[in-house]
Full PDB file with SEQRES, HELIX, SHEET, SSBOND, CRYST1, ORIGX, SCALE, CONECT and MASTER records, all heavy atoms in Angstrom:
SEQRES   1 A   37  ALA PRO GLU SER CYS LEU SER GLN ALA GLN ALA GLU ARG          
SEQRES   2 A   37  GLU LYS TRP ASP ALA TYR VAL ALA GLN ASN VAL ALA PRO          
SEQRES   3 A   37  GLY ASN ARG PRO ASN SER TYR ALA GLN ALA ILE                  
HELIX    1 AA1 GLU A    3  VAL A   24  1                                  22    
HELIX    2 AA2 TYR A   33  ALA A   36  1                                   4    
CRYST1    1.000    1.000    1.000  90.00  90.00  90.00 P 1           1          
ORIGX1      1.000000  0.000000  0.000000        0.00000                         
ORIGX2      0.000000  1.000000  0.000000        0.00000                         
ORIGX3      0.000000  0.000000  1.000000        0.00000                         
SCALE1      1.000000  0.000000  0.000000        0.00000                         
SCALE2      0.000000  1.000000  0.000000        0.00000                         
SCALE3      0.000000  0.000000  1.000000        0.00000                         
ATOM      1  N   ALA A   1       9.162 -23.425  -1.100  1.00  0.00           N  
ATOM      2  CA  ALA A   1       9.513 -22.528  -2.201  1.00  0.00           C  
ATOM      3  C   ALA A   1      10.819 -21.808  -1.876  1.00  0.00           C  
ATOM      4  O   ALA A   1      11.138 -21.587  -0.692  1.00  0.00           O  
ATOM      5  CB  ALA A   1       8.401 -21.514  -2.430  1.00  0.00           C  
ATOM      6  N   PRO A   2      11.605 -21.444  -2.872  1.00  0.00           N  
ATOM      7  CA  PRO A   2      12.838 -20.689  -2.619  1.00  0.00           C  
ATOM      8  C   PRO A   2      12.571 -19.442  -1.779  1.00  0.00           C  
ATOM      9  O   PRO A   2      11.589 -18.732  -2.000  1.00  0.00           O  
ATOM     10  CB  PRO A   2      13.308 -20.324  -4.026  1.00  0.00           C  
ATOM     11  CG  PRO A   2      12.716 -21.376  -4.920  1.00  0.00           C  
ATOM     12  CD  PRO A   2      11.394 -21.708  -4.313  1.00  0.00           C  
ATOM     13  N   GLU A   3      13.433 -19.207  -0.790  1.00  0.00           N  
ATOM     14  CA  GLU A   3      13.220 -18.053   0.096  1.00  0.00           C  
ATOM     15  C   GLU A   3      13.192 -16.749  -0.669  1.00  0.00           C  
ATOM     16  O   GLU A   3      12.506 -15.808  -0.284  1.00  0.00           O  
ATOM     17  CB  GLU A   3      14.315 -18.020   1.162  1.00  0.00           C  
ATOM     18  CG  GLU A   3      14.197 -19.142   2.203  1.00  0.00           C  
ATOM     19  CD  GLU A   3      15.227 -18.977   3.312  1.00  0.00           C  
ATOM     20  OE1 GLU A   3      15.875 -17.917   3.382  1.00  0.00           O  
ATOM     21  OE2 GLU A   3      15.361 -19.928   4.105  1.00  0.00           O  
ATOM     22  N   SER A   4      13.938 -16.690  -1.764  1.00  0.00           N  
ATOM     23  CA  SER A   4      13.969 -15.454  -2.556  1.00  0.00           C  
ATOM     24  C   SER A   4      12.607 -15.134  -3.135  1.00  0.00           C  
ATOM     25  O   SER A   4      12.237 -13.961  -3.299  1.00  0.00           O  
ATOM     26  CB  SER A   4      14.992 -15.581  -3.681  1.00  0.00           C  
ATOM     27  OG  SER A   4      14.662 -16.691  -4.530  1.00  0.00           O  
ATOM     28  N   CYS A   5      11.814 -16.157  -3.436  1.00  0.00           N  
ATOM     29  CA  CYS A   5      10.473 -15.968  -3.987  1.00  0.00           C  
ATOM     30  C   CYS A   5       9.584 -15.233  -2.979  1.00  0.00           C  
ATOM     31  O   CYS A   5       8.926 -14.246  -3.298  1.00  0.00           O  
ATOM     32  CB  CYS A   5       9.871 -17.323  -4.350  1.00  0.00           C  
ATOM     33  SG  CYS A   5       8.110 -17.300  -4.750  1.00  0.00           S  
ATOM     34  N   LEU A   6       9.613 -15.705  -1.734  1.00  0.00           N  
ATOM     35  CA  LEU A   6       8.791 -15.095  -0.706  1.00  0.00           C  
ATOM     36  C   LEU A   6       9.295 -13.721  -0.290  1.00  0.00           C  
ATOM     37  O   LEU A   6       8.516 -12.779  -0.113  1.00  0.00           O  
ATOM     38  CB  LEU A   6       8.697 -16.005   0.523  1.00  0.00           C  
ATOM     39  CG  LEU A   6       7.819 -15.506   1.662  1.00  0.00           C  
ATOM     40  CD1 LEU A   6       6.409 -15.216   1.193  1.00  0.00           C  
ATOM     41  CD2 LEU A   6       7.801 -16.529   2.797  1.00  0.00           C  
ATOM     42  N   SER A   7      10.597 -13.586  -0.165  1.00  0.00           N  
ATOM     43  CA  SER A   7      11.141 -12.287   0.278  1.00  0.00           C  
ATOM     44  C   SER A   7      10.855 -11.199  -0.760  1.00  0.00           C  
ATOM     45  O   SER A   7      10.551 -10.052  -0.409  1.00  0.00           O  
ATOM     46  CB  SER A   7      12.648 -12.398   0.526  1.00  0.00           C  
ATOM     47  OG  SER A   7      13.333 -12.796  -0.637  1.00  0.00           O  
ATOM     48  N   GLN A   8      10.919 -11.544  -2.038  1.00  0.00           N  
ATOM     49  CA  GLN A   8      10.595 -10.591  -3.084  1.00  0.00           C  
ATOM     50  C   GLN A   8       9.125 -10.202  -3.001  1.00  0.00           C  
ATOM     51  O   GLN A   8       8.769  -9.022  -3.117  1.00  0.00           O  
ATOM     52  CB  GLN A   8      10.904 -11.179  -4.464  1.00  0.00           C  
ATOM     53  CG  GLN A   8      10.548 -10.240  -5.622  1.00  0.00           C  
ATOM     54  CD  GLN A   8      10.726 -10.893  -6.981  1.00  0.00           C  
ATOM     55  OE1 GLN A   8      11.304 -11.973  -7.094  1.00  0.00           O  
ATOM     56  NE2 GLN A   8      10.235 -10.239  -8.019  1.00  0.00           N  
ATOM     57  N   ALA A   9       8.246 -11.200  -2.782  1.00  0.00           N  
ATOM     58  CA  ALA A   9       6.821 -10.926  -2.669  1.00  0.00           C  
ATOM     59  C   ALA A   9       6.516 -10.036  -1.475  1.00  0.00           C  
ATOM     60  O   ALA A   9       5.719  -9.097  -1.566  1.00  0.00           O  
ATOM     61  CB  ALA A   9       6.057 -12.247  -2.556  1.00  0.00           C  
ATOM     62  N   GLN A  10       7.178 -10.283  -0.363  1.00  0.00           N  
ATOM     63  CA  GLN A  10       6.941  -9.479   0.833  1.00  0.00           C  
ATOM     64  C   GLN A  10       7.452  -8.054   0.662  1.00  0.00           C  
ATOM     65  O   GLN A  10       6.842  -7.114   1.178  1.00  0.00           O  
ATOM     66  CB  GLN A  10       7.582 -10.156   2.043  1.00  0.00           C  
ATOM     67  CG  GLN A  10       6.845 -11.435   2.448  1.00  0.00           C  
ATOM     68  CD  GLN A  10       7.571 -12.231   3.500  1.00  0.00           C  
ATOM     69  OE1 GLN A  10       8.807 -12.157   3.626  1.00  0.00           O  
ATOM     70  NE2 GLN A  10       6.824 -12.990   4.285  1.00  0.00           N  
ATOM     71  N   ALA A  11       8.537  -7.903  -0.063  1.00  0.00           N  
ATOM     72  CA  ALA A  11       9.031  -6.557  -0.350  1.00  0.00           C  
ATOM     73  C   ALA A  11       8.038  -5.779  -1.204  1.00  0.00           C  
ATOM     74  O   ALA A  11       7.802  -4.574  -0.982  1.00  0.00           O  
ATOM     75  CB  ALA A  11      10.384  -6.630  -1.050  1.00  0.00           C  
ATOM     76  N   GLU A  12       7.416  -6.475  -2.162  1.00  0.00           N  
ATOM     77  CA  GLU A  12       6.392  -5.830  -2.980  1.00  0.00           C  
ATOM     78  C   GLU A  12       5.185  -5.459  -2.122  1.00  0.00           C  
ATOM     79  O   GLU A  12       4.597  -4.378  -2.304  1.00  0.00           O  
ATOM     80  CB  GLU A  12       5.954  -6.773  -4.107  1.00  0.00           C  
ATOM     81  CG  GLU A  12       7.029  -7.066  -5.157  1.00  0.00           C  
ATOM     82  CD  GLU A  12       7.301  -5.866  -6.045  1.00  0.00           C  
ATOM     83  OE1 GLU A  12       6.514  -4.902  -6.036  1.00  0.00           O  
ATOM     84  OE2 GLU A  12       8.332  -5.893  -6.750  1.00  0.00           O  
ATOM     85  N   ARG A  13       4.822  -6.311  -1.176  1.00  0.00           N  
ATOM     86  CA  ARG A  13       3.678  -6.011  -0.299  1.00  0.00           C  
ATOM     87  C   ARG A  13       3.964  -4.809   0.583  1.00  0.00           C  
ATOM     88  O   ARG A  13       3.069  -3.990   0.831  1.00  0.00           O  
ATOM     89  CB  ARG A  13       3.330  -7.237   0.550  1.00  0.00           C  
ATOM     90  CG  ARG A  13       2.158  -7.006   1.534  1.00  0.00           C  
ATOM     91  CD  ARG A  13       0.875  -6.698   0.788  1.00  0.00           C  
ATOM     92  NE  ARG A  13      -0.144  -6.109   1.638  1.00  0.00           N  
ATOM     93  CZ  ARG A  13      -1.306  -6.682   1.945  1.00  0.00           C  
ATOM     94  NH1 ARG A  13      -1.582  -7.889   1.517  1.00  0.00           N  
ATOM     95  NH2 ARG A  13      -2.186  -6.050   2.688  1.00  0.00           N  
ATOM     96  N   GLU A  14       5.161  -4.673   1.069  1.00  0.00           N  
ATOM     97  CA  GLU A  14       5.513  -3.509   1.881  1.00  0.00           C  
ATOM     98  C   GLU A  14       5.330  -2.219   1.090  1.00  0.00           C  
ATOM     99  O   GLU A  14       4.809  -1.218   1.604  1.00  0.00           O  
ATOM    100  CB  GLU A  14       6.952  -3.622   2.380  1.00  0.00           C  
ATOM    101  CG  GLU A  14       7.148  -4.649   3.486  1.00  0.00           C  
ATOM    102  CD  GLU A  14       8.577  -4.709   3.957  1.00  0.00           C  
ATOM    103  OE1 GLU A  14       9.373  -3.811   3.581  1.00  0.00           O  
ATOM    104  OE2 GLU A  14       8.931  -5.648   4.701  1.00  0.00           O  
ATOM    105  N   LYS A  15       5.734  -2.237  -0.169  1.00  0.00           N  
ATOM    106  CA  LYS A  15       5.561  -1.050  -1.008  1.00  0.00           C  
ATOM    107  C   LYS A  15       4.077  -0.766  -1.236  1.00  0.00           C  
ATOM    108  O   LYS A  15       3.656   0.393  -1.215  1.00  0.00           O  
ATOM    109  CB  LYS A  15       6.284  -1.230  -2.354  1.00  0.00           C  
ATOM    110  CG  LYS A  15       7.805  -1.211  -2.264  1.00  0.00           C  
ATOM    111  CD  LYS A  15       8.459  -1.167  -3.631  1.00  0.00           C  
ATOM    112  CE  LYS A  15       8.341  -2.487  -4.345  1.00  0.00           C  
ATOM    113  NZ  LYS A  15       9.078  -2.517  -5.633  1.00  0.00           N  
ATOM    114  N   TRP A  16       3.286  -1.816  -1.431  1.00  0.00           N  
ATOM    115  CA  TRP A  16       1.860  -1.622  -1.634  1.00  0.00           C  
ATOM    116  C   TRP A  16       1.202  -1.086  -0.372  1.00  0.00           C  
ATOM    117  O   TRP A  16       0.346  -0.201  -0.432  1.00  0.00           O  
ATOM    118  CB  TRP A  16       1.192  -2.926  -2.074  1.00  0.00           C  
ATOM    119  CG  TRP A  16      -0.281  -2.769  -2.264  1.00  0.00           C  
ATOM    120  CD1 TRP A  16      -1.273  -3.263  -1.465  1.00  0.00           C  
ATOM    121  CD2 TRP A  16      -0.943  -2.029  -3.300  1.00  0.00           C  
ATOM    122  NE1 TRP A  16      -2.511  -2.902  -1.939  1.00  0.00           N  
ATOM    123  CE2 TRP A  16      -2.332  -2.139  -3.066  1.00  0.00           C  
ATOM    124  CE3 TRP A  16      -0.482  -1.307  -4.393  1.00  0.00           C  
ATOM    125  CZ2 TRP A  16      -3.283  -1.537  -3.901  1.00  0.00           C  
ATOM    126  CZ3 TRP A  16      -1.441  -0.699  -5.223  1.00  0.00           C  
ATOM    127  CH2 TRP A  16      -2.798  -0.814  -4.964  1.00  0.00           C  
ATOM    128  N   ASP A  17       1.566  -1.609   0.781  1.00  0.00           N  
ATOM    129  CA  ASP A  17       0.994  -1.120   2.041  1.00  0.00           C  
ATOM    130  C   ASP A  17       1.290   0.365   2.226  1.00  0.00           C  
ATOM    131  O   ASP A  17       0.427   1.125   2.700  1.00  0.00           O  
ATOM    132  CB  ASP A  17       1.574  -1.909   3.223  1.00  0.00           C  
ATOM    133  CG  ASP A  17       0.970  -3.309   3.331  1.00  0.00           C  
ATOM    134  OD1 ASP A  17      -0.072  -3.557   2.701  1.00  0.00           O  
ATOM    135  OD2 ASP A  17       1.551  -4.147   4.057  1.00  0.00           O  
ATOM    136  N   ALA A  18       2.492   0.775   1.845  1.00  0.00           N  
ATOM    137  CA  ALA A  18       2.834   2.198   1.969  1.00  0.00           C  
ATOM    138  C   ALA A  18       1.981   3.042   1.040  1.00  0.00           C  
ATOM    139  O   ALA A  18       1.536   4.141   1.402  1.00  0.00           O  
ATOM    140  CB  ALA A  18       4.320   2.389   1.665  1.00  0.00           C  
ATOM    141  N   TYR A  19       1.722   2.530  -0.163  1.00  0.00           N  
ATOM    142  CA  TYR A  19       0.868   3.259  -1.098  1.00  0.00           C  
ATOM    143  C   TYR A  19      -0.559   3.377  -0.567  1.00  0.00           C  
ATOM    144  O   TYR A  19      -1.169   4.454  -0.608  1.00  0.00           O  
ATOM    145  CB  TYR A  19       0.854   2.549  -2.464  1.00  0.00           C  
ATOM    146  CG  TYR A  19      -0.180   3.115  -3.409  1.00  0.00           C  
ATOM    147  CD1 TYR A  19       0.040   4.299  -4.089  1.00  0.00           C  
ATOM    148  CD2 TYR A  19      -1.399   2.459  -3.610  1.00  0.00           C  
ATOM    149  CE1 TYR A  19      -0.913   4.846  -4.943  1.00  0.00           C  
ATOM    150  CE2 TYR A  19      -2.359   2.982  -4.450  1.00  0.00           C  
ATOM    151  CZ  TYR A  19      -2.118   4.174  -5.127  1.00  0.00           C  
ATOM    152  OH  TYR A  19      -3.071   4.695  -5.950  1.00  0.00           O  
ATOM    153  N   VAL A  20      -1.112   2.266  -0.041  1.00  0.00           N  
ATOM    154  CA  VAL A  20      -2.482   2.289   0.474  1.00  0.00           C  
ATOM    155  C   VAL A  20      -2.594   3.255   1.654  1.00  0.00           C  
ATOM    156  O   VAL A  20      -3.555   4.030   1.747  1.00  0.00           O  
ATOM    157  CB  VAL A  20      -2.928   0.873   0.891  1.00  0.00           C  
ATOM    158  CG1 VAL A  20      -4.237   0.917   1.684  1.00  0.00           C  
ATOM    159  CG2 VAL A  20      -3.097  -0.013  -0.345  1.00  0.00           C  
ATOM    160  N   ALA A  21      -1.600   3.250   2.529  1.00  0.00           N  
ATOM    161  CA  ALA A  21      -1.636   4.161   3.688  1.00  0.00           C  
ATOM    162  C   ALA A  21      -1.713   5.601   3.234  1.00  0.00           C  
ATOM    163  O   ALA A  21      -2.430   6.432   3.813  1.00  0.00           O  
ATOM    164  CB  ALA A  21      -0.401   3.921   4.562  1.00  0.00           C  
ATOM    165  N   GLN A  22      -0.966   5.927   2.205  1.00  0.00           N  
ATOM    166  CA  GLN A  22      -0.991   7.288   1.665  1.00  0.00           C  
ATOM    167  C   GLN A  22      -2.295   7.543   0.917  1.00  0.00           C  
ATOM    168  O   GLN A  22      -2.887   8.646   0.994  1.00  0.00           O  
ATOM    169  CB  GLN A  22       0.186   7.504   0.721  1.00  0.00           C  
ATOM    170  CG  GLN A  22       0.281   8.897   0.127  1.00  0.00           C  
ATOM    171  CD  GLN A  22       1.429   9.009  -0.866  1.00  0.00           C  
ATOM    172  OE1 GLN A  22       1.721   8.074  -1.603  1.00  0.00           O  
ATOM    173  NE2 GLN A  22       2.098  10.145  -0.866  1.00  0.00           N  
ATOM    174  N   ASN A  23      -2.814   6.527   0.246  1.00  0.00           N  
ATOM    175  CA  ASN A  23      -4.022   6.666  -0.571  1.00  0.00           C  
ATOM    176  C   ASN A  23      -5.258   6.932   0.267  1.00  0.00           C  
ATOM    177  O   ASN A  23      -6.149   7.695  -0.145  1.00  0.00           O  
ATOM    178  CB  ASN A  23      -4.221   5.390  -1.397  1.00  0.00           C  
ATOM    179  CG  ASN A  23      -5.100   5.608  -2.606  1.00  0.00           C  
ATOM    180  OD1 ASN A  23      -5.071   6.671  -3.225  1.00  0.00           O  
ATOM    181  ND2 ASN A  23      -5.871   4.587  -2.965  1.00  0.00           N  
ATOM    182  N   VAL A  24      -5.349   6.312   1.434  1.00  0.00           N  
ATOM    183  CA  VAL A  24      -6.546   6.449   2.270  1.00  0.00           C  
ATOM    184  C   VAL A  24      -6.450   7.634   3.232  1.00  0.00           C  
ATOM    185  O   VAL A  24      -7.448   7.999   3.862  1.00  0.00           O  
ATOM    186  CB  VAL A  24      -6.829   5.162   3.078  1.00  0.00           C  
ATOM    187  CG1 VAL A  24      -7.008   3.976   2.144  1.00  0.00           C  
ATOM    188  CG2 VAL A  24      -5.748   4.903   4.117  1.00  0.00           C  
ATOM    189  N   ALA A  25      -5.285   8.235   3.325  1.00  0.00           N  
ATOM    190  CA  ALA A  25      -5.098   9.321   4.287  1.00  0.00           C  
ATOM    191  C   ALA A  25      -5.714  10.615   3.774  1.00  0.00           C  
ATOM    192  O   ALA A  25      -5.546  10.982   2.611  1.00  0.00           O  
ATOM    193  CB  ALA A  25      -3.610   9.533   4.558  1.00  0.00           C  
ATOM    194  N   PRO A  26      -6.452  11.328   4.619  1.00  0.00           N  
ATOM    195  CA  PRO A  26      -6.975  12.639   4.210  1.00  0.00           C  
ATOM    196  C   PRO A  26      -5.837  13.645   4.131  1.00  0.00           C  
ATOM    197  O   PRO A  26      -4.810  13.505   4.775  1.00  0.00           O  
ATOM    198  CB  PRO A  26      -7.951  12.994   5.342  1.00  0.00           C  
ATOM    199  CG  PRO A  26      -7.480  12.233   6.521  1.00  0.00           C  
ATOM    200  CD  PRO A  26      -6.874  10.956   5.982  1.00  0.00           C  
ATOM    201  N   GLY A  27      -6.013  14.651   3.306  1.00  0.00           N  
ATOM    202  CA  GLY A  27      -4.975  15.652   3.141  1.00  0.00           C  
ATOM    203  C   GLY A  27      -5.479  16.783   2.274  1.00  0.00           C  
ATOM    204  O   GLY A  27      -6.688  17.003   2.147  1.00  0.00           O  
ATOM    205  N   ASN A  28      -4.563  17.481   1.658  1.00  0.00           N  
ATOM    206  CA  ASN A  28      -4.943  18.628   0.812  1.00  0.00           C  
ATOM    207  C   ASN A  28      -5.310  18.136  -0.583  1.00  0.00           C  
ATOM    208  O   ASN A  28      -4.621  18.425  -1.573  1.00  0.00           O  
ATOM    209  CB  ASN A  28      -3.780  19.625   0.755  1.00  0.00           C  
ATOM    210  CG  ASN A  28      -3.509  20.228   2.109  1.00  0.00           C  
ATOM    211  OD1 ASN A  28      -4.423  20.499   2.869  1.00  0.00           O  
ATOM    212  ND2 ASN A  28      -2.222  20.416   2.427  1.00  0.00           N  
ATOM    213  N   ARG A  29      -6.385  17.398  -0.653  1.00  0.00           N  
ATOM    214  CA  ARG A  29      -6.885  16.874  -1.924  1.00  0.00           C  
ATOM    215  C   ARG A  29      -8.367  16.639  -1.791  1.00  0.00           C  
ATOM    216  O   ARG A  29      -8.926  16.609  -0.682  1.00  0.00           O  
ATOM    217  CB  ARG A  29      -6.140  15.597  -2.327  1.00  0.00           C  
ATOM    218  CG  ARG A  29      -6.221  14.475  -1.294  1.00  0.00           C  
ATOM    219  CD  ARG A  29      -5.175  13.400  -1.553  1.00  0.00           C  
ATOM    220  NE  ARG A  29      -5.231  12.340  -0.552  1.00  0.00           N  
ATOM    221  CZ  ARG A  29      -5.728  11.132  -0.766  1.00  0.00           C  
ATOM    222  NH1 ARG A  29      -6.232  10.822  -1.948  1.00  0.00           N  
ATOM    223  NH2 ARG A  29      -5.702  10.220   0.192  1.00  0.00           N  
ATOM    224  N   PRO A  30      -9.063  16.426  -2.897  1.00  0.00           N  
ATOM    225  CA  PRO A  30     -10.520  16.236  -2.812  1.00  0.00           C  
ATOM    226  C   PRO A  30     -10.900  14.964  -2.039  1.00  0.00           C  
ATOM    227  O   PRO A  30     -10.113  14.027  -1.922  1.00  0.00           O  
ATOM    228  CB  PRO A  30     -10.949  16.126  -4.280  1.00  0.00           C  
ATOM    229  CG  PRO A  30      -9.823  16.716  -5.064  1.00  0.00           C  
ATOM    230  CD  PRO A  30      -8.583  16.446  -4.283  1.00  0.00           C  
ATOM    231  N   ASN A  31     -12.130  14.959  -1.534  1.00  0.00           N  
ATOM    232  CA  ASN A  31     -12.663  13.751  -0.921  1.00  0.00           C  
ATOM    233  C   ASN A  31     -12.672  12.607  -1.908  1.00  0.00           C  
ATOM    234  O   ASN A  31     -12.949  12.800  -3.102  1.00  0.00           O  
ATOM    235  CB  ASN A  31     -14.103  13.978  -0.438  1.00  0.00           C  
ATOM    236  CG  ASN A  31     -14.208  14.991   0.684  1.00  0.00           C  
ATOM    237  OD1 ASN A  31     -13.223  15.312   1.338  1.00  0.00           O  
ATOM    238  ND2 ASN A  31     -15.424  15.473   0.905  1.00  0.00           N  
ATOM    239  N   SER A  32     -12.392  11.399  -1.431  1.00  0.00           N  
ATOM    240  CA  SER A  32     -12.320  10.237  -2.327  1.00  0.00           C  
ATOM    241  C   SER A  32     -12.929   9.026  -1.651  1.00  0.00           C  
ATOM    242  O   SER A  32     -13.091   8.950  -0.424  1.00  0.00           O  
ATOM    243  CB  SER A  32     -10.874   9.941  -2.720  1.00  0.00           C  
ATOM    244  OG  SER A  32     -10.144   9.461  -1.589  1.00  0.00           O  
ATOM    245  N   TYR A  33     -13.250   8.008  -2.491  1.00  0.00           N  
ATOM    246  CA  TYR A  33     -13.686   6.726  -1.956  1.00  0.00           C  
ATOM    247  C   TYR A  33     -12.649   6.179  -0.993  1.00  0.00           C  
ATOM    248  O   TYR A  33     -12.974   5.671   0.079  1.00  0.00           O  
ATOM    249  CB  TYR A  33     -13.859   5.726  -3.110  1.00  0.00           C  
ATOM    250  CG  TYR A  33     -15.086   5.885  -3.961  1.00  0.00           C  
ATOM    251  CD1 TYR A  33     -15.109   5.346  -5.251  1.00  0.00           C  
ATOM    252  CD2 TYR A  33     -16.230   6.503  -3.505  1.00  0.00           C  
ATOM    253  CE1 TYR A  33     -16.233   5.436  -6.053  1.00  0.00           C  
ATOM    254  CE2 TYR A  33     -17.367   6.611  -4.299  1.00  0.00           C  
ATOM    255  CZ  TYR A  33     -17.363   6.072  -5.580  1.00  0.00           C  
ATOM    256  OH  TYR A  33     -18.480   6.164  -6.358  1.00  0.00           O  
ATOM    257  N   ALA A  34     -11.368   6.213  -1.395  1.00  0.00           N  
ATOM    258  CA  ALA A  34     -10.310   5.622  -0.591  1.00  0.00           C  
ATOM    259  C   ALA A  34     -10.242   6.247   0.794  1.00  0.00           C  
ATOM    260  O   ALA A  34     -10.035   5.544   1.799  1.00  0.00           O  
ATOM    261  CB  ALA A  34      -8.967   5.758  -1.306  1.00  0.00           C  
ATOM    262  N   GLN A  35     -10.415   7.553   0.870  1.00  0.00           N  
ATOM    263  CA  GLN A  35     -10.393   8.205   2.181  1.00  0.00           C  
ATOM    264  C   GLN A  35     -11.544   7.713   3.062  1.00  0.00           C  
ATOM    265  O   GLN A  35     -11.364   7.468   4.258  1.00  0.00           O  
ATOM    266  CB  GLN A  35     -10.466   9.721   2.006  1.00  0.00           C  
ATOM    267  CG  GLN A  35      -9.238  10.333   1.366  1.00  0.00           C  
ATOM    268  CD  GLN A  35      -9.440  11.803   1.035  1.00  0.00           C  
ATOM    269  OE1 GLN A  35     -10.466  12.400   1.371  1.00  0.00           O  
ATOM    270  NE2 GLN A  35      -8.462  12.397   0.373  1.00  0.00           N  
ATOM    271  N   ALA A  36     -12.719   7.601   2.483  1.00  0.00           N  
ATOM    272  CA  ALA A  36     -13.875   7.095   3.247  1.00  0.00           C  
ATOM    273  C   ALA A  36     -13.618   5.679   3.725  1.00  0.00           C  
ATOM    274  O   ALA A  36     -13.936   5.319   4.872  1.00  0.00           O  
ATOM    275  CB  ALA A  36     -15.136   7.166   2.402  1.00  0.00           C  
ATOM    276  N   ILE A  37     -13.047   4.861   2.850  1.00  0.00           N  
ATOM    277  CA  ILE A  37     -12.715   3.472   3.222  1.00  0.00           C  
ATOM    278  C   ILE A  37     -11.709   3.469   4.369  1.00  0.00           C  
ATOM    279  O   ILE A  37     -11.833   2.687   5.333  1.00  0.00           O  
ATOM    280  CB  ILE A  37     -12.184   2.720   1.991  1.00  0.00           C  
ATOM    281  CG1 ILE A  37     -13.307   2.492   0.992  1.00  0.00           C  
ATOM    282  CG2 ILE A  37     -11.542   1.401   2.406  1.00  0.00           C  
ATOM    283  CD1 ILE A  37     -12.841   2.114  -0.395  1.00  0.00           C  
TER     284      ILE A  37                                                      
MASTER        0    0    0    2    0    0    0    6  283    1    0    3          
END                                                                             
């Protein structure tokens, strides 16, 4: 597959990983499923 296809997909995954890391982290917010996970 064109390298641009994979590099774009991996860039999207990096952004998603950053979101998940923030989503599951405890902080000054109510308890959530994501935090327990």
